[in-house]
Protein backbone atom coordinates (compact mmCIF):
# COMPACT_ATOMS: atom_id res chain seq x y z
CA MET A 1 6.86 -43.56 -71.02
CA GLY A 2 9.29 -44.95 -68.58
CA ASN A 3 10.20 -48.58 -68.08
CA GLU A 4 8.30 -48.89 -64.76
CA LYS A 5 6.11 -51.96 -64.75
CA ALA A 6 2.44 -51.76 -63.81
CA LYS A 7 1.36 -53.41 -60.53
CA SER A 8 -1.70 -55.58 -60.29
CA THR A 9 -4.44 -54.49 -57.90
CA SER A 10 -5.87 -58.01 -57.59
CA ALA A 11 -6.28 -59.17 -53.93
CA GLY A 12 -5.15 -62.62 -54.90
CA ASN A 13 -1.71 -61.42 -55.66
CA LYS A 14 -1.22 -59.52 -52.30
CA LYS A 15 1.08 -61.21 -49.72
CA GLN A 16 -0.92 -62.47 -46.65
CA ILE A 17 0.28 -62.18 -43.03
CA ARG A 18 -0.69 -65.17 -40.90
CA LYS A 19 -2.61 -64.20 -37.74
CA GLY A 20 -2.56 -66.08 -34.47
CA LYS A 21 -5.56 -68.27 -33.75
CA VAL A 22 -6.92 -70.14 -30.71
CA HIS A 23 -8.32 -73.68 -31.07
CA LEU A 24 -10.23 -74.87 -27.99
CA GLY A 25 -10.36 -78.64 -27.54
CA GLY A 26 -13.07 -80.73 -25.84
CA LYS A 27 -16.61 -79.88 -24.89
CA LYS A 28 -17.04 -76.20 -24.15
CA THR A 29 -18.42 -75.33 -20.74
CA LEU A 30 -21.49 -73.13 -20.65
CA MET A 31 -20.52 -69.82 -19.08
CA LEU A 32 -22.40 -66.98 -17.48
CA HIS A 33 -21.24 -63.39 -17.12
CA THR A 34 -21.75 -62.00 -13.60
CA SER A 35 -20.63 -58.93 -11.70
CA LYS A 36 -17.75 -61.04 -10.34
CA GLY A 37 -16.60 -62.20 -13.76
CA LEU A 38 -17.15 -65.27 -15.96
CA PHE A 39 -18.33 -68.41 -14.16
CA PRO A 40 -19.37 -71.92 -15.30
CA THR A 41 -23.14 -72.41 -15.01
CA ASP A 42 -22.68 -75.77 -13.29
CA VAL A 43 -20.75 -74.07 -10.47
CA LEU A 44 -23.47 -71.46 -10.00
CA ASN A 45 -26.15 -74.15 -10.01
CA LYS A 46 -24.17 -76.08 -7.39
CA TYR A 47 -24.41 -73.18 -4.93
CA GLU A 48 -27.89 -72.01 -5.87
CA VAL A 49 -30.06 -71.37 -2.82
CA GLY A 50 -33.81 -71.20 -3.00
CA ARG A 51 -35.83 -68.54 -1.22
CA GLU A 52 -37.31 -71.07 1.20
CA ALA A 53 -33.80 -71.82 2.60
CA SER A 54 -33.37 -68.35 4.11
CA GLN A 55 -32.85 -68.40 7.88
CA GLN A 56 -33.73 -64.75 8.42
CA LEU A 57 -36.63 -63.95 10.75
CA SER A 58 -39.81 -63.10 8.90
CA THR A 59 -41.78 -59.92 9.56
CA GLU A 60 -44.21 -62.01 11.60
CA ASP A 61 -41.35 -63.29 13.77
CA MET A 62 -40.01 -59.79 14.33
CA ASP A 63 -43.48 -58.61 15.35
CA PHE A 64 -43.68 -61.52 17.80
CA PHE A 65 -40.34 -60.55 19.38
CA LYS A 66 -41.34 -56.90 19.64
CA LYS A 67 -44.83 -57.50 21.03
CA LYS A 68 -43.71 -60.11 23.54
CA GLY A 69 -40.78 -58.07 24.86
CA LEU A 70 -38.05 -60.54 23.94
CA LYS A 71 -34.44 -59.39 23.84
CA PRO A 72 -32.59 -60.23 20.57
CA HIS A 73 -29.26 -62.05 20.77
CA PRO A 74 -26.24 -59.70 20.95
CA PHE A 75 -24.89 -61.34 17.76
CA GLU A 76 -26.14 -63.78 15.13
CA ALA A 77 -26.10 -67.18 16.85
CA ASN A 78 -26.36 -69.20 13.63
CA THR A 79 -23.28 -67.40 12.28
CA MET A 80 -21.28 -68.52 15.32
CA LEU A 81 -22.54 -72.05 14.70
CA ASP A 82 -21.32 -71.81 11.09
CA PHE A 83 -17.90 -70.61 12.27
CA LYS A 84 -17.62 -73.54 14.69
CA GLU A 85 -18.56 -76.04 11.98
CA SER A 86 -16.05 -74.51 9.56
CA ASN A 87 -12.99 -74.20 11.80
CA VAL A 88 -11.44 -77.33 13.28
CA TYR A 89 -9.56 -75.48 16.06
CA PHE A 90 -12.65 -73.60 17.27
CA ASP A 91 -14.65 -76.83 17.27
CA ALA A 92 -11.88 -78.89 18.92
CA CYS A 93 -11.37 -76.35 21.75
CA VAL A 94 -15.08 -76.23 22.60
CA ARG A 95 -15.49 -80.02 22.58
CA GLN A 96 -12.29 -80.66 24.55
CA ILE A 97 -13.37 -78.26 27.29
CA ALA A 98 -16.70 -80.08 27.55
CA LYS A 99 -14.90 -83.43 27.86
CA ASP A 100 -12.45 -82.12 30.48
CA VAL A 101 -15.22 -80.60 32.60
CA LEU A 102 -16.85 -84.04 32.82
CA THR A 103 -13.60 -85.93 33.43
CA PRO A 104 -13.08 -88.04 35.45
CA ALA A 105 -16.64 -88.28 36.83
CA TRP A 106 -19.30 -86.79 39.13
CA ARG A 107 -20.17 -87.91 42.65
CA LEU A 108 -22.41 -87.10 45.62
CA VAL A 109 -20.43 -85.91 48.66
CA PRO A 110 -21.82 -85.55 52.20
CA ILE A 111 -21.95 -81.90 53.22
CA GLU A 112 -20.93 -82.85 56.76
CA GLU A 113 -18.30 -85.53 57.25
CA LYS A 114 -19.56 -88.92 58.43
CA VAL A 115 -23.22 -87.83 58.11
CA GLU A 116 -24.88 -90.23 55.71
CA ASP A 117 -28.54 -90.44 54.67
CA GLU A 118 -29.13 -93.44 52.45
CA ALA A 119 -32.67 -92.36 51.53
CA GLU A 120 -31.52 -88.94 50.27
CA LYS A 121 -28.53 -90.42 48.48
CA GLU A 122 -30.66 -93.02 46.74
CA ARG A 123 -33.25 -90.43 45.64
CA ALA A 124 -30.59 -88.11 44.22
CA THR A 125 -28.64 -90.89 42.52
CA GLU A 126 -31.76 -92.37 40.94
CA PHE A 127 -32.68 -89.06 39.29
CA LEU A 128 -29.15 -88.02 38.24
CA GLN A 129 -28.50 -91.39 36.60
CA ASP A 130 -31.72 -91.16 34.54
CA PRO A 131 -32.58 -87.45 34.15
CA ASN A 132 -34.99 -87.53 31.18
CA ASP A 133 -37.10 -89.60 28.80
CA LEU A 134 -34.51 -89.47 26.00
CA ASP A 135 -32.21 -92.00 27.66
CA GLU A 136 -29.55 -89.28 27.94
CA SER A 137 -27.05 -89.52 30.75
CA LEU A 138 -26.35 -86.56 33.00
CA GLU A 139 -22.86 -86.39 31.46
CA ARG A 140 -24.35 -86.06 27.98
CA VAL A 141 -26.69 -83.25 29.06
CA ILE A 142 -23.89 -81.28 30.75
CA GLU A 143 -21.61 -81.82 27.75
CA LYS A 144 -24.18 -80.16 25.46
CA LEU A 145 -24.51 -77.26 27.90
CA ILE A 146 -20.74 -76.68 27.98
CA VAL A 147 -20.54 -76.84 24.16
CA ASP A 148 -23.18 -74.07 23.99
CA TRP A 149 -21.22 -72.07 26.58
CA GLY A 150 -18.06 -72.37 24.48
CA MET A 151 -19.80 -71.56 21.21
CA LEU A 152 -22.25 -68.79 22.22
CA GLY A 153 -21.60 -67.85 25.83
CA TRP A 154 -24.96 -68.88 27.31
CA THR A 155 -26.73 -72.16 28.09
CA ALA A 156 -30.27 -73.20 29.01
CA LEU A 157 -31.30 -76.30 31.00
CA GLU A 158 -35.00 -77.23 30.92
CA ILE A 159 -36.47 -78.56 34.21
CA SER A 160 -39.84 -80.22 34.79
CA ARG A 161 -41.68 -81.04 38.04
CA ASP A 162 -44.23 -83.66 39.05
CA GLY A 163 -47.53 -83.17 40.87
CA SER A 164 -45.78 -82.91 44.23
CA ASP A 165 -43.51 -80.14 42.93
CA MET A 166 -40.42 -82.36 42.83
CA VAL A 167 -38.02 -82.20 39.89
CA ASN A 168 -38.57 -85.19 37.59
CA GLY A 169 -36.83 -84.25 34.32
CA MET A 170 -34.04 -82.17 32.80
CA TRP A 171 -33.13 -81.51 29.15
CA HIS A 172 -30.66 -79.40 27.22
CA ILE A 173 -32.17 -76.55 25.16
CA PRO A 174 -30.12 -75.51 22.08
CA ALA A 175 -28.82 -72.07 23.01
CA GLN A 176 -29.31 -70.58 19.54
CA THR A 177 -33.08 -71.19 19.78
CA ILE A 178 -33.88 -69.52 23.11
CA PHE A 179 -34.40 -65.82 23.88
CA SER A 180 -34.61 -63.94 27.17
CA HIS A 181 -37.54 -61.69 28.03
CA LEU A 182 -36.84 -58.17 29.20
CA ASP A 183 -38.08 -59.11 32.67
CA LYS A 184 -35.31 -61.79 32.91
CA VAL A 185 -37.92 -64.19 34.31
CA ARG A 186 -39.48 -65.53 31.12
CA PHE A 187 -37.78 -67.17 28.15
CA ALA A 188 -39.08 -68.12 24.72
CA GLN A 189 -37.81 -70.77 22.36
CA ALA A 190 -38.32 -70.08 18.64
CA ARG A 191 -37.99 -72.80 16.00
CA GLY A 192 -39.38 -71.61 12.71
CA THR A 193 -43.02 -70.69 13.30
CA LYS A 194 -43.22 -72.67 16.56
CA LYS A 195 -42.83 -70.88 19.89
CA LYS A 196 -42.58 -72.25 23.43
CA TRP A 197 -42.39 -70.34 26.72
CA PHE A 198 -40.39 -71.12 29.88
CA LYS A 199 -39.84 -69.43 33.24
CA ARG A 200 -36.69 -69.02 35.33
CA PHE A 201 -36.05 -71.84 37.79
CA GLY A 202 -37.61 -71.21 41.20
CA THR A 203 -40.21 -68.68 39.98
CA GLU A 204 -43.45 -69.35 41.88
CA GLN A 205 -45.88 -67.73 39.43
CA ASN A 206 -46.98 -70.19 36.73
CA ILE A 207 -47.04 -69.01 33.11
CA SER A 208 -48.53 -70.57 29.98
CA SER A 209 -46.10 -72.46 27.77
CA ILE A 210 -48.16 -71.25 24.78
CA THR A 211 -48.72 -67.52 25.49
CA GLY A 212 -46.12 -66.72 28.14
CA GLU A 213 -48.81 -65.05 30.24
CA PRO A 214 -49.57 -65.84 33.93
CA ILE A 215 -52.05 -68.67 34.54
CA LYS A 216 -53.82 -70.07 37.62
CA THR A 217 -54.40 -73.63 36.42
CA PRO A 218 -51.73 -76.28 35.79
CA LYS A 219 -52.89 -76.78 32.19
CA ASN A 220 -50.10 -75.93 29.71
CA LYS A 221 -47.87 -74.93 32.63
CA ALA A 222 -44.44 -73.82 31.37
CA HIS A 223 -41.34 -75.74 32.42
CA GLU A 224 -38.50 -73.97 34.20
CA VAL A 225 -35.07 -72.96 32.87
CA ILE A 226 -31.70 -72.84 34.60
CA TRP A 227 -29.87 -70.02 32.80
CA TYR A 228 -26.06 -69.81 32.79
CA THR A 229 -23.95 -67.19 30.98
CA ASN A 230 -20.34 -66.23 30.38
CA TYR A 231 -20.27 -62.60 31.51
CA TYR A 232 -20.48 -60.13 28.62
CA PRO A 233 -20.33 -56.37 29.42
CA ARG A 234 -22.38 -55.43 26.35
CA SER A 235 -25.43 -57.46 27.39
CA ASP A 236 -27.39 -57.79 30.62
CA TYR A 237 -29.30 -60.77 29.23
CA TYR A 238 -26.81 -62.95 27.35
CA GLY A 239 -23.19 -63.95 27.60
CA ALA A 240 -20.48 -64.15 24.94
CA PRO A 241 -17.99 -66.90 24.06
CA ASN A 242 -14.23 -66.58 24.52
CA ILE A 243 -13.83 -66.93 20.75
CA LEU A 244 -15.51 -63.55 20.18
CA SER A 245 -12.20 -61.70 20.53
CA ALA A 246 -10.55 -64.17 18.09
CA LEU A 247 -13.21 -64.15 15.37
CA GLY A 248 -10.77 -62.33 13.11
CA ALA A 249 -8.49 -65.37 13.32
CA VAL A 250 -11.36 -67.71 12.43
CA ILE A 251 -12.35 -65.56 9.46
CA GLY A 252 -8.70 -65.34 8.37
CA MET A 253 -8.37 -69.13 8.37
CA LEU A 254 -11.59 -69.43 6.37
CA GLY A 255 -10.10 -66.98 3.87
CA VAL A 256 -6.98 -69.14 3.53
CA ARG A 257 -9.16 -72.22 3.10
CA ASP A 258 -11.23 -70.56 0.38
CA TYR A 259 -8.09 -69.38 -1.38
CA ASN A 260 -6.63 -72.87 -1.43
CA LEU A 261 -9.92 -74.38 -2.57
CA ALA A 262 -10.04 -71.86 -5.40
CA PHE A 263 -6.44 -72.74 -6.28
CA PHE A 264 -7.24 -76.44 -6.60
CA GLU A 265 -10.54 -75.70 -8.30
CA ASN A 266 -8.38 -73.98 -10.87
CA PHE A 267 -6.42 -77.28 -11.10
CA GLY A 268 -3.35 -75.73 -9.53
CA VAL A 269 -2.92 -72.97 -12.10
CA PRO A 270 -1.42 -70.04 -10.17
CA ALA A 271 -2.02 -66.38 -10.78
CA GLY A 272 -0.13 -65.59 -13.96
CA LEU A 273 0.68 -63.15 -16.71
CA VAL A 274 0.04 -64.10 -20.36
CA THR A 275 1.81 -61.99 -22.99
CA LEU A 276 0.80 -62.19 -26.66
CA GLU A 277 3.09 -60.76 -29.33
CA GLY A 278 2.25 -60.34 -32.99
CA GLU A 279 -1.04 -60.00 -34.82
CA TRP A 280 -3.81 -62.23 -33.45
CA GLU A 281 -7.41 -62.75 -34.57
CA GLU A 282 -10.17 -60.84 -32.86
CA ASN A 283 -11.29 -62.27 -29.46
CA SER A 284 -8.10 -64.40 -29.13
CA VAL A 285 -7.21 -62.66 -25.87
CA ASP A 286 -10.70 -63.27 -24.44
CA ASP A 287 -10.62 -66.94 -25.48
CA ILE A 288 -7.27 -67.58 -23.76
CA ARG A 289 -8.32 -65.77 -20.59
CA ASP A 290 -11.65 -67.61 -20.41
CA PHE A 291 -9.94 -70.96 -20.96
CA ILE A 292 -7.51 -70.38 -18.08
CA ASP A 293 -10.15 -68.88 -15.77
CA THR A 294 -12.90 -71.43 -16.38
CA GLU A 295 -12.26 -74.31 -18.77
CA ILE A 296 -9.43 -76.00 -16.85
CA ARG A 297 -10.89 -75.60 -13.36
CA GLY A 298 -11.49 -78.79 -11.43
CA SER A 299 -10.05 -82.27 -11.74
CA GLN A 300 -12.73 -83.20 -14.27
CA SER A 301 -11.07 -80.76 -16.70
CA ALA A 302 -7.53 -82.03 -16.12
CA PHE A 303 -7.06 -83.20 -19.71
CA LYS A 304 -8.61 -80.33 -21.60
CA THR A 305 -6.36 -78.92 -24.32
CA ILE A 306 -5.83 -75.51 -25.83
CA VAL A 307 -3.91 -75.17 -29.13
CA LEU A 308 -2.36 -71.84 -30.07
CA GLU A 309 -1.56 -71.20 -33.73
CA LEU A 310 1.12 -68.54 -33.39
CA PRO A 311 1.14 -65.58 -35.76
CA GLU A 312 4.08 -65.08 -38.07
CA GLY A 313 6.91 -63.65 -35.99
CA GLY A 314 4.76 -63.66 -32.83
CA LYS A 315 4.67 -65.70 -29.63
CA ALA A 316 2.68 -66.39 -26.43
CA VAL A 317 4.45 -66.30 -23.03
CA TRP A 318 3.12 -67.57 -19.65
CA GLN A 319 4.67 -66.26 -16.42
CA ALA A 320 3.55 -67.36 -12.91
CA LEU A 321 3.24 -64.61 -10.34
CA ALA A 322 4.62 -64.92 -6.74
CA VAL A 323 3.35 -68.40 -5.93
CA ASP A 324 6.06 -69.25 -3.41
CA ILE A 325 5.60 -65.98 -1.51
CA LYS A 326 1.87 -66.59 -1.02
CA GLU A 327 2.33 -70.17 0.16
CA GLY A 328 5.11 -69.22 2.58
CA SER A 329 3.12 -66.31 3.98
CA PHE A 330 0.10 -68.55 4.54
CA THR A 331 2.19 -71.11 6.46
CA VAL A 332 3.34 -68.51 8.99
CA TRP A 333 -0.01 -66.73 9.13
CA ILE A 334 -2.04 -69.90 9.71
CA LYS A 335 0.11 -70.74 12.73
CA GLN A 336 -0.41 -67.25 14.15
CA LEU A 337 -4.18 -67.50 13.61
CA ARG A 338 -4.29 -70.95 15.20
CA GLU A 339 -2.41 -69.71 18.27
CA GLU A 340 -4.86 -66.82 18.63
CA ILE A 341 -7.79 -69.27 18.76
CA LEU A 342 -6.00 -71.47 21.31
CA VAL A 343 -5.21 -68.44 23.49
CA ALA A 344 -8.91 -67.50 23.53
CA TYR A 345 -9.67 -70.78 25.31
CA ARG A 346 -6.30 -71.08 27.14
CA MET A 347 -6.03 -74.43 25.36
CA PRO A 348 -2.67 -76.27 25.49
CA PRO A 349 -1.97 -77.39 21.89
CA TYR A 350 -1.28 -81.01 22.81
CA ARG A 351 -4.80 -81.45 24.27
CA ILE A 352 -6.35 -81.12 20.82
CA GLY A 353 -3.70 -83.20 19.07
CA ILE A 354 -1.13 -80.55 18.13
CA ALA A 355 2.47 -81.60 18.81
CA GLU A 356 4.41 -78.43 19.52
CA ALA A 357 7.66 -77.76 21.36
CA GLY A 358 8.26 -74.74 23.51
CA SER A 359 10.99 -72.13 23.20
CA LEU A 360 14.54 -73.46 22.75
CA GLY A 361 13.11 -76.93 22.13
CA GLY A 362 11.78 -77.26 25.68
CA SER A 363 8.19 -78.16 26.49
CA ILE A 364 5.88 -75.67 28.19
CA ALA A 365 3.03 -78.17 28.42
CA GLU A 366 3.06 -78.19 32.24
CA GLU A 367 2.66 -74.42 32.59
CA ALA A 368 0.07 -74.23 29.79
CA THR A 369 -1.96 -77.06 31.30
CA GLU A 370 -1.96 -75.42 34.72
CA ILE A 371 -3.24 -72.14 33.25
CA TYR A 372 -5.92 -74.00 31.24
CA ASN A 373 -7.06 -75.96 34.29
CA GLN A 374 -7.16 -72.99 36.67
CA SER A 375 -8.74 -70.46 34.30
CA ILE A 376 -11.21 -72.62 32.34
CA ILE A 377 -11.83 -76.14 33.66
CA GLU A 378 -11.89 -75.67 37.44
CA PRO A 379 -14.15 -72.56 37.36
CA LEU A 380 -16.64 -74.42 35.11
CA LYS A 381 -16.55 -77.51 37.35
CA LYS A 382 -17.16 -75.39 40.44
CA ASP A 383 -19.96 -73.33 38.85
CA TRP A 384 -21.87 -76.38 37.62
CA SER A 385 -21.26 -78.32 40.84
CA ASP A 386 -22.68 -75.42 42.88
CA LEU A 387 -25.50 -74.78 40.41
CA ILE A 388 -26.77 -78.38 40.36
CA THR A 389 -26.39 -78.67 44.14
CA ARG A 390 -28.31 -75.44 44.77
CA THR A 391 -31.07 -75.94 42.20
CA ILE A 392 -31.60 -79.61 41.27
CA LEU A 393 -30.67 -81.22 44.59
CA LYS A 394 -31.68 -78.68 47.22
CA LYS A 395 -34.63 -76.82 45.66
CA GLY A 396 -35.75 -79.51 43.24
CA LEU A 397 -35.34 -82.78 45.15
CA GLY A 398 -35.12 -81.62 48.76
CA ILE A 399 -31.59 -83.03 49.18
CA THR A 400 -29.91 -81.20 52.08
CA LYS A 401 -27.17 -83.59 53.21
CA TYR A 402 -25.32 -84.08 49.91
CA ARG A 403 -23.74 -81.88 47.33
CA PHE A 404 -23.07 -82.59 43.66
CA GLU A 405 -19.40 -82.51 42.66
CA LEU A 406 -17.61 -82.72 39.33
CA GLN A 407 -14.30 -84.23 40.36
CA SER A 408 -11.06 -82.38 39.64
CA LEU A 409 -9.16 -83.33 36.52
CA ASP A 410 -5.83 -85.02 37.27
CA LEU A 411 -3.39 -83.01 35.15
CA ARG A 412 -0.31 -83.84 37.20
CA ASN A 413 2.93 -84.66 35.45
CA LEU A 414 3.38 -88.10 37.01
CA GLU A 415 6.77 -88.54 35.38
CA GLN A 416 8.23 -85.58 37.24
CA LEU A 417 6.35 -86.39 40.45
CA THR A 418 7.80 -89.90 40.34
CA ILE A 419 11.31 -88.41 40.33
CA ILE A 420 10.47 -86.37 43.44
CA TRP A 421 8.83 -89.31 45.25
CA ASP A 422 11.76 -91.60 44.40
CA ARG A 423 14.25 -89.21 45.99
CA LEU A 424 12.04 -88.62 49.04
CA PHE A 425 11.62 -92.37 49.46
CA LYS A 426 15.37 -92.97 49.40
CA LEU A 427 15.81 -90.23 52.02
CA ALA A 428 13.35 -91.96 54.39
CA CYS A 429 10.99 -89.00 54.10
CA ILE A 430 8.00 -90.96 52.74
CA ASN A 431 6.98 -94.60 52.81
CA PRO A 432 5.41 -96.92 50.18
CA ASN A 433 1.86 -96.44 51.47
CA TRP A 434 2.20 -92.65 51.20
CA ILE A 435 3.12 -93.02 47.53
CA ARG A 436 0.34 -95.57 46.92
CA GLY A 437 -2.18 -93.13 48.36
CA LYS A 438 -1.04 -90.39 45.98
CA ILE A 439 -1.66 -92.59 42.93
CA GLY A 440 -5.00 -93.92 44.12
CA GLU A 441 -3.84 -97.38 45.21
CA GLU A 442 -4.83 -99.20 48.40
CA PRO A 443 -2.14 -99.38 51.16
CA ARG A 444 -0.18 -102.57 51.68
CA ASP A 445 -1.48 -104.66 54.56
CA ASP A 446 1.69 -106.63 55.25
CA GLY A 447 3.26 -103.92 57.42
CA LEU A 448 6.06 -103.15 54.96
CA GLY A 449 4.16 -100.26 53.42
CA ASP A 450 4.50 -98.19 56.58
CA GLU A 451 8.26 -98.63 56.88
CA TYR A 452 10.82 -95.98 55.93
CA TYR A 453 14.02 -96.68 54.00
CA LEU A 454 17.42 -95.08 53.41
CA SER A 455 19.05 -95.40 50.01
CA SER A 456 22.41 -96.48 51.46
CA SER A 457 21.15 -99.82 52.75
CA LEU A 458 17.38 -99.75 52.19
CA ALA A 459 17.11 -100.67 55.88
CA PRO A 460 13.92 -99.88 57.83
CA VAL A 461 14.18 -96.95 60.25
CA GLY A 462 11.70 -95.94 62.93
CA GLY A 463 11.10 -93.38 65.61
CA ASP A 464 8.49 -90.77 66.57
CA ALA A 465 10.49 -88.09 64.79
CA LEU A 466 9.62 -89.67 61.43
CA GLU A 467 5.91 -88.98 61.99
CA LYS A 468 6.67 -85.30 62.44
CA ARG A 469 8.88 -85.36 59.32
CA GLU A 470 6.11 -87.05 57.33
CA ARG A 471 3.59 -84.35 58.25
CA ALA A 472 6.08 -81.66 57.29
CA MET A 473 6.80 -83.37 53.96
CA ASP A 474 3.06 -83.68 53.21
CA ALA A 475 2.61 -79.95 53.70
CA TRP A 476 5.68 -79.20 51.60
CA MET A 477 4.50 -81.45 48.74
CA GLU A 478 1.05 -79.83 48.70
CA ASP A 479 2.56 -76.33 48.68
CA THR A 480 1.59 -74.71 45.36
CA SER A 481 3.92 -71.73 45.74
CA LEU A 482 6.81 -73.83 44.42
CA SER A 483 6.86 -75.41 40.97
CA ILE A 484 7.78 -79.05 40.46
CA ASN A 485 11.11 -78.01 38.93
CA GLU A 486 11.93 -75.94 42.02
CA LYS A 487 11.07 -78.87 44.30
CA ILE A 488 13.29 -81.20 42.29
CA LYS A 489 16.15 -78.71 42.55
CA THR A 490 15.68 -78.41 46.33
CA LEU A 491 15.61 -82.18 46.77
CA THR A 492 18.69 -82.63 44.61
CA GLU A 493 20.62 -80.15 46.75
CA ALA A 494 19.39 -81.86 49.94
CA GLN A 495 20.38 -85.28 48.64
CA LYS A 496 23.87 -84.05 47.75
CA ALA A 497 24.23 -82.55 51.23
CA ILE A 498 23.19 -85.81 52.93
CA GLN A 499 25.51 -87.86 50.73
CA GLY A 500 28.35 -85.50 51.62
CA GLN A 501 27.63 -85.92 55.32
CA MET A 502 27.58 -89.71 54.95
CA ARG A 503 30.97 -89.64 53.21
CA ASP A 504 32.38 -87.50 56.02
CA MET A 505 31.06 -90.01 58.57
CA GLU A 506 32.70 -92.90 56.67
CA ASN A 507 35.98 -90.99 56.55
CA ASP A 508 35.83 -90.33 60.30
CA LYS A 509 35.31 -94.02 60.97
CA GLY A 510 38.33 -94.84 58.80
CA LYS A 511 40.50 -92.51 60.84
């Protein structure tokens, strides 16, 4: 036999290799496997929605719509409401437009100059100052209507009449609750299982507020509705909001919001790559992944601990993946999405609290404000002024000598206008009372307000020619074909020319 020694087969004498092991610290969160991955049960319970919370129309509701000939909305109104509540720029644009339409105030204006009728004016004023039994002002009612216009594209104003067929009440109807009939004469409001019928303003035939069918007695007589829409080519019954073309931007911003919320819910742990080397115990990989994905989410888990017992010769490596790129991309993208929403409503950024400079550091606020006023505010003011005059005053209250007017919003750049007026004043082109009239002040009654002055000596000048010059300057100042910057440039050149002529005159005297 050789000298080779026998080897023991006892397991106790075999050299052991240490395996990696995961030790989870703290109370373990109860988890639930779903099709989307592993989620904490407390998170799922937090967002659990019962069946009774569904806002979908029931089969009974759909049958009611079909049998009664009601036209469905062109898009889900409650979804638009959710978007408005979830996006600050969408909400701010809609509310700012409503405020600007009502600013500075409304007034009753005689249709013919110097024709006053105190009885008519008093009757109209009394109703417009107290339009309903909810103690709502007319401004508040119109504000709600404009918010609906900005959010959905259509609005509904409920009107009631007294026994003598005179208008005696007006209320806002939430636009998402009202539906147009196919005949465009009847409207139905649906709130849950409750239904209420209305007819278009001015329709002579009475209908039942309960059934929507024609009736001959005044019992349960339906109120009237003034219907106003933002033209939408896809629907003959409803309008559409300006935001419709920018919904992608709203959804994109919600996606960024949800991403950031998920990032902080994960306690700031970015997307990462975990590499394990060596021999680890079974399920170690799953335990590490579940800990990172679930156990350290939320500030309440900020101090949870995981302990890794590394295998012999092995290691665990964490590597973050492209955090800076995502954050930088979001910063640029959010600004682009925000601008898309503002463009939809022609909204100058500064009007909703965004401080933003124009190209090359210059401000474009003046041009943006002019576009916003001419394309959004003034058309809405005119439409609602004409609508209330034609319906409430004329047909509802018998007012024929006054019209309702939402006054124009003063969006002038007074700083630049002051520069122009100062130069005109020093050139004896305008007088103090002319300037006072432009800023809404009463004229001076001491005679000095009607005098003209030259900058060289500030001495009064007179003459019939100045009256002609004043009329010409008024027309030139009201001319909208020239911008303020162009007017300033013209005045600067004129002032330099006059100063040059005055120097020449002084030189001639010296000679």
